[in-house]
Structures are given as structure tokens and as C-alpha cells.
Amino acid sequence: MSRDLLTDLLAYETRVWDALVAGDAAADEALMDEGFLGVYPSGFATRACHVGQLADGPSVATFSILEPRAMSLGPDKALLAYRAEYTRPGGAAEAMYVSSVWQRSGEGWVNIFSQDTPAE
């Protein structure tokens, strides 16, 4: 896999996490495709659900993206998979594995799918 693809996808994924830390719903929404689908332990989520978690402010206090891997899914789509370690505001440390599918959009990328799997 191209190192450039991994670098690009990590930059966009980091922007999502940064939006969660800042409580920036507009930034989060701008990174999600209108048809975004999230698959989480709590169930399915749309873009509105993902953005809605920021209605009361930041949903994440700190985060680290570890062991990232990128895989091309065709000329305009790619998968980023990694382990996330993070804390919620006022919460304990948590970890999960994330699979995130990105699609080229203009000069950048938008997130079209994400699945979170809690780490043991």
C-alpha cells in the first residue's frame, strides 16, 4: 500500500478525532458523507447520529491512533484500520479497533463507513 495513501487517510481520520475533542460538530459533519453508515456496539448510526454526539460538547478528551493500516478498495475508495486508545471527558481510558472507509471527494476524502469494535 502506498505510504501516501496511509498518510492521507490518517490526516483525515485525525481530523475526525480532533472534531470530537473540540466538540466541533460542523467539522465532524464536513468529514462525513451524507450517506455515512456507522456500525457500533450500540447499533447503526447515520451522519446525523455521529454529529449529534457533539450536541453537548466534546465526546472525547484524548486519543491515540495506533498500528494504522491502509488498503485501497479501488481508484477512489480506501480503508483505514487501526487501534484507537482514548478517554471520554471525565472518563477512564478505553480502546477499540476501527475500520473506516473513505471516498475521494474533490481534492480530499469523506468518510462513508466506520465500524468500531471494542478491544479486550
N, C-alpha and C. Protein backbone atom coordinates (compact mmCIF):
# COMPACT_ATOMS: atom_id res chain seq x y z
N MET A 1 0.85 -1.17 0.00
CA MET A 1 0.00 0.00 0.00
C MET A 1 0.88 1.23 0.00
N SER A 2 0.45 2.21 -0.72
CA SER A 2 1.17 3.46 -0.83
C SER A 2 1.27 4.16 0.53
N ARG A 3 2.47 4.59 0.86
CA ARG A 3 2.67 5.34 2.10
C ARG A 3 1.88 6.65 2.05
N ASP A 4 1.75 7.23 0.85
CA ASP A 4 0.98 8.46 0.70
C ASP A 4 -0.48 8.25 1.06
N LEU A 5 -1.05 7.11 0.67
CA LEU A 5 -2.45 6.82 1.00
C LEU A 5 -2.61 6.72 2.51
N LEU A 6 -1.73 6.01 3.17
CA LEU A 6 -1.79 5.89 4.63
C LEU A 6 -1.68 7.27 5.27
N THR A 7 -0.76 8.08 4.81
CA THR A 7 -0.57 9.42 5.35
C THR A 7 -1.82 10.27 5.15
N ASP A 8 -2.40 10.23 3.95
CA ASP A 8 -3.62 10.99 3.66
C ASP A 8 -4.78 10.56 4.55
N LEU A 9 -5.02 9.26 4.62
CA LEU A 9 -6.14 8.75 5.41
C LEU A 9 -5.97 9.06 6.90
N LEU A 10 -4.76 8.93 7.40
CA LEU A 10 -4.50 9.26 8.80
C LEU A 10 -4.79 10.73 9.08
N ALA A 11 -4.44 11.59 8.15
CA ALA A 11 -4.70 13.01 8.33
C ALA A 11 -6.20 13.28 8.44
N TYR A 12 -7.00 12.65 7.58
CA TYR A 12 -8.45 12.85 7.63
C TYR A 12 -9.07 12.21 8.86
N GLU A 13 -8.62 11.02 9.21
CA GLU A 13 -9.15 10.35 10.40
C GLU A 13 -8.83 11.16 11.65
N THR A 14 -7.64 11.71 11.69
CA THR A 14 -7.23 12.55 12.82
C THR A 14 -8.12 13.79 12.92
N ARG A 15 -8.52 14.34 11.79
CA ARG A 15 -9.43 15.49 11.79
C ARG A 15 -10.77 15.12 12.42
N VAL A 16 -11.25 13.89 12.19
CA VAL A 16 -12.50 13.44 12.84
C VAL A 16 -12.31 13.43 14.36
N TRP A 17 -11.24 12.79 14.81
CA TRP A 17 -10.98 12.73 16.25
C TRP A 17 -10.79 14.13 16.84
N ASP A 18 -10.07 15.00 16.12
CA ASP A 18 -9.88 16.37 16.60
C ASP A 18 -11.23 17.08 16.76
N ALA A 19 -12.17 16.83 15.84
CA ALA A 19 -13.51 17.43 15.95
C ALA A 19 -14.22 16.91 17.20
N LEU A 20 -14.05 15.62 17.51
CA LEU A 20 -14.68 15.05 18.72
C LEU A 20 -14.09 15.67 19.98
N VAL A 21 -12.78 15.92 19.97
CA VAL A 21 -12.11 16.54 21.12
C VAL A 21 -12.55 18.00 21.27
N ALA A 22 -12.69 18.70 20.15
CA ALA A 22 -13.06 20.12 20.19
C ALA A 22 -14.56 20.33 20.36
N GLY A 23 -15.35 19.28 20.15
CA GLY A 23 -16.80 19.43 20.17
C GLY A 23 -17.30 20.19 18.96
N ASP A 24 -16.56 20.10 17.85
CA ASP A 24 -16.83 20.86 16.63
C ASP A 24 -17.72 20.05 15.68
N ALA A 25 -19.03 20.20 15.83
CA ALA A 25 -19.99 19.45 15.03
C ALA A 25 -19.87 19.78 13.54
N ALA A 26 -19.62 21.03 13.20
CA ALA A 26 -19.50 21.42 11.79
C ALA A 26 -18.31 20.74 11.13
N ALA A 27 -17.19 20.67 11.82
CA ALA A 27 -16.01 19.99 11.27
C ALA A 27 -16.28 18.50 11.11
N ASP A 28 -16.94 17.89 12.10
CA ASP A 28 -17.29 16.48 12.03
C ASP A 28 -18.20 16.21 10.84
N GLU A 29 -19.23 17.02 10.69
CA GLU A 29 -20.19 16.85 9.60
C GLU A 29 -19.52 16.99 8.23
N ALA A 30 -18.59 17.93 8.11
CA ALA A 30 -17.91 18.17 6.83
C ALA A 30 -17.07 16.98 6.39
N LEU A 31 -16.66 16.14 7.33
CA LEU A 31 -15.83 14.98 7.02
C LEU A 31 -16.64 13.73 6.70
N MET A 32 -17.95 13.78 6.96
CA MET A 32 -18.83 12.63 6.75
C MET A 32 -19.65 12.79 5.47
N ASP A 33 -19.73 11.73 4.70
CA ASP A 33 -20.60 11.70 3.53
C ASP A 33 -22.07 11.74 4.00
N GLU A 34 -22.94 12.29 3.17
CA GLU A 34 -24.38 12.33 3.53
C GLU A 34 -24.93 10.94 3.81
N GLY A 35 -24.43 9.93 3.10
CA GLY A 35 -24.90 8.56 3.29
C GLY A 35 -24.07 7.75 4.27
N PHE A 36 -23.28 8.42 5.12
CA PHE A 36 -22.41 7.75 6.09
C PHE A 36 -23.18 6.69 6.88
N LEU A 37 -22.52 5.55 7.09
CA LEU A 37 -23.06 4.48 7.94
C LEU A 37 -22.02 4.11 8.97
N GLY A 38 -22.41 4.18 10.23
CA GLY A 38 -21.56 3.73 11.32
C GLY A 38 -22.13 2.45 11.90
N VAL A 39 -21.25 1.52 12.25
CA VAL A 39 -21.66 0.27 12.89
C VAL A 39 -20.90 0.21 14.22
N TYR A 40 -21.66 0.35 15.30
CA TYR A 40 -21.07 0.48 16.62
C TYR A 40 -21.69 -0.55 17.57
N PRO A 41 -21.08 -0.78 18.72
CA PRO A 41 -21.67 -1.71 19.67
C PRO A 41 -23.11 -1.32 20.04
N SER A 42 -23.44 -0.03 19.93
CA SER A 42 -24.79 0.43 20.26
C SER A 42 -25.77 0.29 19.09
N GLY A 43 -25.26 -0.03 17.89
CA GLY A 43 -26.13 -0.20 16.72
C GLY A 43 -25.65 0.62 15.54
N PHE A 44 -26.56 0.83 14.58
CA PHE A 44 -26.24 1.57 13.36
C PHE A 44 -26.37 3.07 13.62
N ALA A 45 -25.58 3.86 12.87
CA ALA A 45 -25.62 5.31 13.02
C ALA A 45 -25.50 5.99 11.66
N THR A 46 -26.20 7.09 11.51
CA THR A 46 -26.11 7.92 10.32
C THR A 46 -25.13 9.06 10.59
N ARG A 47 -24.93 9.90 9.57
CA ARG A 47 -24.09 11.09 9.76
C ARG A 47 -24.69 11.96 10.87
N ALA A 48 -26.01 12.13 10.85
CA ALA A 48 -26.66 12.96 11.88
C ALA A 48 -26.41 12.41 13.29
N CYS A 49 -26.41 11.11 13.43
CA CYS A 49 -26.12 10.49 14.74
C CYS A 49 -24.68 10.77 15.16
N HIS A 50 -23.75 10.61 14.20
CA HIS A 50 -22.34 10.83 14.51
C HIS A 50 -22.13 12.27 14.96
N VAL A 51 -22.69 13.21 14.22
CA VAL A 51 -22.56 14.62 14.55
C VAL A 51 -23.32 14.94 15.84
N GLY A 52 -24.45 14.30 16.05
CA GLY A 52 -25.29 14.54 17.22
C GLY A 52 -24.62 14.25 18.54
N GLN A 53 -23.60 13.39 18.53
CA GLN A 53 -22.92 13.09 19.79
C GLN A 53 -22.19 14.32 20.34
N LEU A 54 -22.06 15.37 19.52
CA LEU A 54 -21.37 16.58 19.95
C LEU A 54 -22.33 17.67 20.40
N ALA A 55 -23.61 17.37 20.49
CA ALA A 55 -24.63 18.36 20.86
C ALA A 55 -24.34 19.00 22.22
N ASP A 56 -23.75 18.23 23.12
CA ASP A 56 -23.45 18.76 24.46
C ASP A 56 -21.97 19.06 24.66
N GLY A 57 -21.22 19.15 23.55
CA GLY A 57 -19.79 19.45 23.65
C GLY A 57 -18.94 18.25 23.27
N PRO A 58 -17.66 18.32 23.59
CA PRO A 58 -16.72 17.26 23.22
C PRO A 58 -17.15 15.88 23.73
N SER A 59 -16.95 14.86 22.90
CA SER A 59 -17.26 13.50 23.31
C SER A 59 -16.00 12.70 23.61
N VAL A 60 -14.84 13.28 23.31
CA VAL A 60 -13.55 12.64 23.55
C VAL A 60 -12.62 13.68 24.18
N ALA A 61 -11.81 13.24 25.15
CA ALA A 61 -10.85 14.15 25.79
C ALA A 61 -9.46 14.00 25.17
N THR A 62 -9.01 12.76 24.99
CA THR A 62 -7.70 12.49 24.40
C THR A 62 -7.82 11.26 23.51
N PHE A 63 -6.90 11.13 22.54
CA PHE A 63 -6.90 9.95 21.68
C PHE A 63 -5.52 9.69 21.11
N SER A 64 -5.31 8.42 20.76
CA SER A 64 -4.12 8.00 20.02
C SER A 64 -4.56 7.00 18.97
N ILE A 65 -4.01 7.13 17.77
CA ILE A 65 -4.25 6.18 16.68
C ILE A 65 -3.00 5.32 16.57
N LEU A 66 -3.18 4.01 16.78
CA LEU A 66 -2.05 3.08 16.82
C LEU A 66 -2.18 2.00 15.75
N GLU A 67 -1.06 1.50 15.29
CA GLU A 67 -1.00 0.39 14.33
C GLU A 67 -1.85 0.62 13.08
N PRO A 68 -1.80 1.81 12.47
CA PRO A 68 -2.66 2.07 11.30
C PRO A 68 -2.25 1.25 10.08
N ARG A 69 -3.26 0.85 9.33
CA ARG A 69 -3.06 0.11 8.08
C ARG A 69 -4.04 0.67 7.06
N ALA A 70 -3.57 0.84 5.84
CA ALA A 70 -4.43 1.33 4.76
C ALA A 70 -4.51 0.28 3.66
N MET A 71 -5.69 0.21 3.03
CA MET A 71 -5.91 -0.72 1.94
C MET A 71 -6.75 -0.03 0.88
N SER A 72 -6.28 -0.05 -0.35
CA SER A 72 -7.05 0.51 -1.45
C SER A 72 -8.23 -0.40 -1.75
N LEU A 73 -9.40 0.20 -1.97
CA LEU A 73 -10.60 -0.55 -2.33
C LEU A 73 -11.03 -0.21 -3.75
N GLY A 74 -10.13 0.38 -4.52
CA GLY A 74 -10.41 0.81 -5.89
C GLY A 74 -9.81 2.18 -6.10
N PRO A 75 -10.08 2.79 -7.24
CA PRO A 75 -9.44 4.07 -7.55
C PRO A 75 -9.84 5.22 -6.62
N ASP A 76 -11.03 5.19 -6.06
CA ASP A 76 -11.50 6.33 -5.26
C ASP A 76 -11.98 5.97 -3.87
N LYS A 77 -11.67 4.76 -3.41
CA LYS A 77 -12.08 4.34 -2.08
C LYS A 77 -10.92 3.63 -1.39
N ALA A 78 -10.86 3.78 -0.07
CA ALA A 78 -9.79 3.14 0.69
C ALA A 78 -10.27 2.88 2.12
N LEU A 79 -9.66 1.89 2.74
CA LEU A 79 -9.97 1.50 4.11
C LEU A 79 -8.78 1.86 4.99
N LEU A 80 -9.08 2.44 6.13
CA LEU A 80 -8.09 2.68 7.17
C LEU A 80 -8.53 1.87 8.39
N ALA A 81 -7.65 1.02 8.88
CA ALA A 81 -7.93 0.21 10.08
C ALA A 81 -6.84 0.50 11.11
N TYR A 82 -7.25 0.58 12.38
CA TYR A 82 -6.28 0.91 13.43
C TYR A 82 -6.87 0.61 14.80
N ARG A 83 -6.00 0.70 15.80
CA ARG A 83 -6.42 0.61 17.20
C ARG A 83 -6.48 2.03 17.74
N ALA A 84 -7.58 2.38 18.36
CA ALA A 84 -7.73 3.70 18.98
C ALA A 84 -7.71 3.53 20.49
N GLU A 85 -6.91 4.34 21.15
CA GLU A 85 -6.94 4.43 22.60
C GLU A 85 -7.37 5.85 22.92
N TYR A 86 -8.37 6.00 23.79
CA TYR A 86 -8.95 7.32 24.03
C TYR A 86 -9.57 7.39 25.41
N THR A 87 -9.86 8.60 25.82
CA THR A 87 -10.61 8.83 27.05
C THR A 87 -11.78 9.74 26.73
N ARG A 88 -12.88 9.51 27.41
CA ARG A 88 -14.03 10.40 27.33
C ARG A 88 -13.81 11.51 28.35
N PRO A 89 -14.46 12.66 28.20
CA PRO A 89 -14.32 13.69 29.22
C PRO A 89 -14.70 13.15 30.60
N GLY A 90 -13.79 13.23 31.52
CA GLY A 90 -14.04 12.74 32.88
C GLY A 90 -14.09 11.24 33.00
N GLY A 91 -13.70 10.51 31.96
CA GLY A 91 -13.82 9.05 31.98
C GLY A 91 -12.49 8.33 32.02
N ALA A 92 -12.58 7.03 32.09
CA ALA A 92 -11.41 6.17 32.10
C ALA A 92 -10.93 5.90 30.68
N ALA A 93 -9.75 5.36 30.56
CA ALA A 93 -9.19 5.01 29.26
C ALA A 93 -9.99 3.87 28.63
N GLU A 94 -10.19 3.95 27.33
CA GLU A 94 -10.88 2.92 26.56
C GLU A 94 -10.06 2.62 25.32
N ALA A 95 -10.35 1.49 24.67
CA ALA A 95 -9.67 1.13 23.43
C ALA A 95 -10.64 0.40 22.51
N MET A 96 -10.44 0.59 21.21
CA MET A 96 -11.26 -0.10 20.23
C MET A 96 -10.47 -0.22 18.93
N TYR A 97 -10.91 -1.14 18.09
CA TYR A 97 -10.38 -1.26 16.74
C TYR A 97 -11.38 -0.59 15.81
N VAL A 98 -10.87 0.20 14.88
CA VAL A 98 -11.71 0.97 13.97
C VAL A 98 -11.39 0.57 12.54
N SER A 99 -12.42 0.35 11.75
CA SER A 99 -12.32 0.19 10.30
C SER A 99 -13.10 1.34 9.69
N SER A 100 -12.43 2.16 8.91
CA SER A 100 -13.03 3.37 8.39
C SER A 100 -12.82 3.42 6.88
N VAL A 101 -13.91 3.53 6.11
CA VAL A 101 -13.83 3.58 4.65
C VAL A 101 -13.99 5.03 4.21
N TRP A 102 -13.07 5.47 3.38
CA TRP A 102 -13.03 6.84 2.88
C TRP A 102 -13.18 6.83 1.37
N GLN A 103 -13.83 7.86 0.85
CA GLN A 103 -14.03 8.01 -0.60
C GLN A 103 -13.49 9.38 -1.02
N ARG A 104 -12.77 9.40 -2.14
CA ARG A 104 -12.27 10.68 -2.65
C ARG A 104 -13.45 11.58 -2.99
N SER A 105 -13.29 12.85 -2.64
CA SER A 105 -14.33 13.84 -2.92
C SER A 105 -13.62 15.15 -3.25
N GLY A 106 -13.64 15.53 -4.50
CA GLY A 106 -12.92 16.73 -4.90
C GLY A 106 -11.43 16.56 -4.65
N GLU A 107 -10.86 17.45 -3.89
CA GLU A 107 -9.42 17.40 -3.58
C GLU A 107 -9.11 16.56 -2.34
N GLY A 108 -10.15 16.09 -1.64
CA GLY A 108 -9.91 15.39 -0.39
C GLY A 108 -10.67 14.08 -0.28
N TRP A 109 -11.03 13.73 0.94
CA TRP A 109 -11.71 12.48 1.26
C TRP A 109 -12.90 12.75 2.17
N VAL A 110 -13.94 11.90 2.07
CA VAL A 110 -15.06 11.91 3.01
C VAL A 110 -15.25 10.49 3.54
N ASN A 111 -15.66 10.42 4.78
CA ASN A 111 -15.87 9.14 5.44
C ASN A 111 -17.25 8.59 5.07
N ILE A 112 -17.29 7.39 4.51
CA ILE A 112 -18.57 6.81 4.10
C ILE A 112 -19.02 5.67 5.01
N PHE A 113 -18.07 5.09 5.77
CA PHE A 113 -18.41 3.96 6.64
C PHE A 113 -17.39 3.86 7.76
N SER A 114 -17.85 3.50 8.94
CA SER A 114 -16.95 3.26 10.06
C SER A 114 -17.54 2.18 10.95
N GLN A 115 -16.68 1.27 11.40
CA GLN A 115 -17.11 0.24 12.35
C GLN A 115 -16.13 0.24 13.52
N ASP A 116 -16.67 0.29 14.72
CA ASP A 116 -15.87 0.26 15.95
C ASP A 116 -16.08 -1.07 16.65
N THR A 117 -14.98 -1.71 17.02
CA THR A 117 -15.02 -2.96 17.76
C THR A 117 -14.27 -2.78 19.07
N PRO A 118 -14.94 -2.89 20.20
CA PRO A 118 -14.23 -2.71 21.48
C PRO A 118 -13.05 -3.69 21.60
N ALA A 119 -11.94 -3.19 22.09
CA ALA A 119 -10.76 -4.03 22.30
C ALA A 119 -10.87 -4.71 23.66
N GLU A 120 -10.38 -5.93 23.73
CA GLU A 120 -10.39 -6.66 25.00
C GLU A 120 -9.18 -6.28 25.82
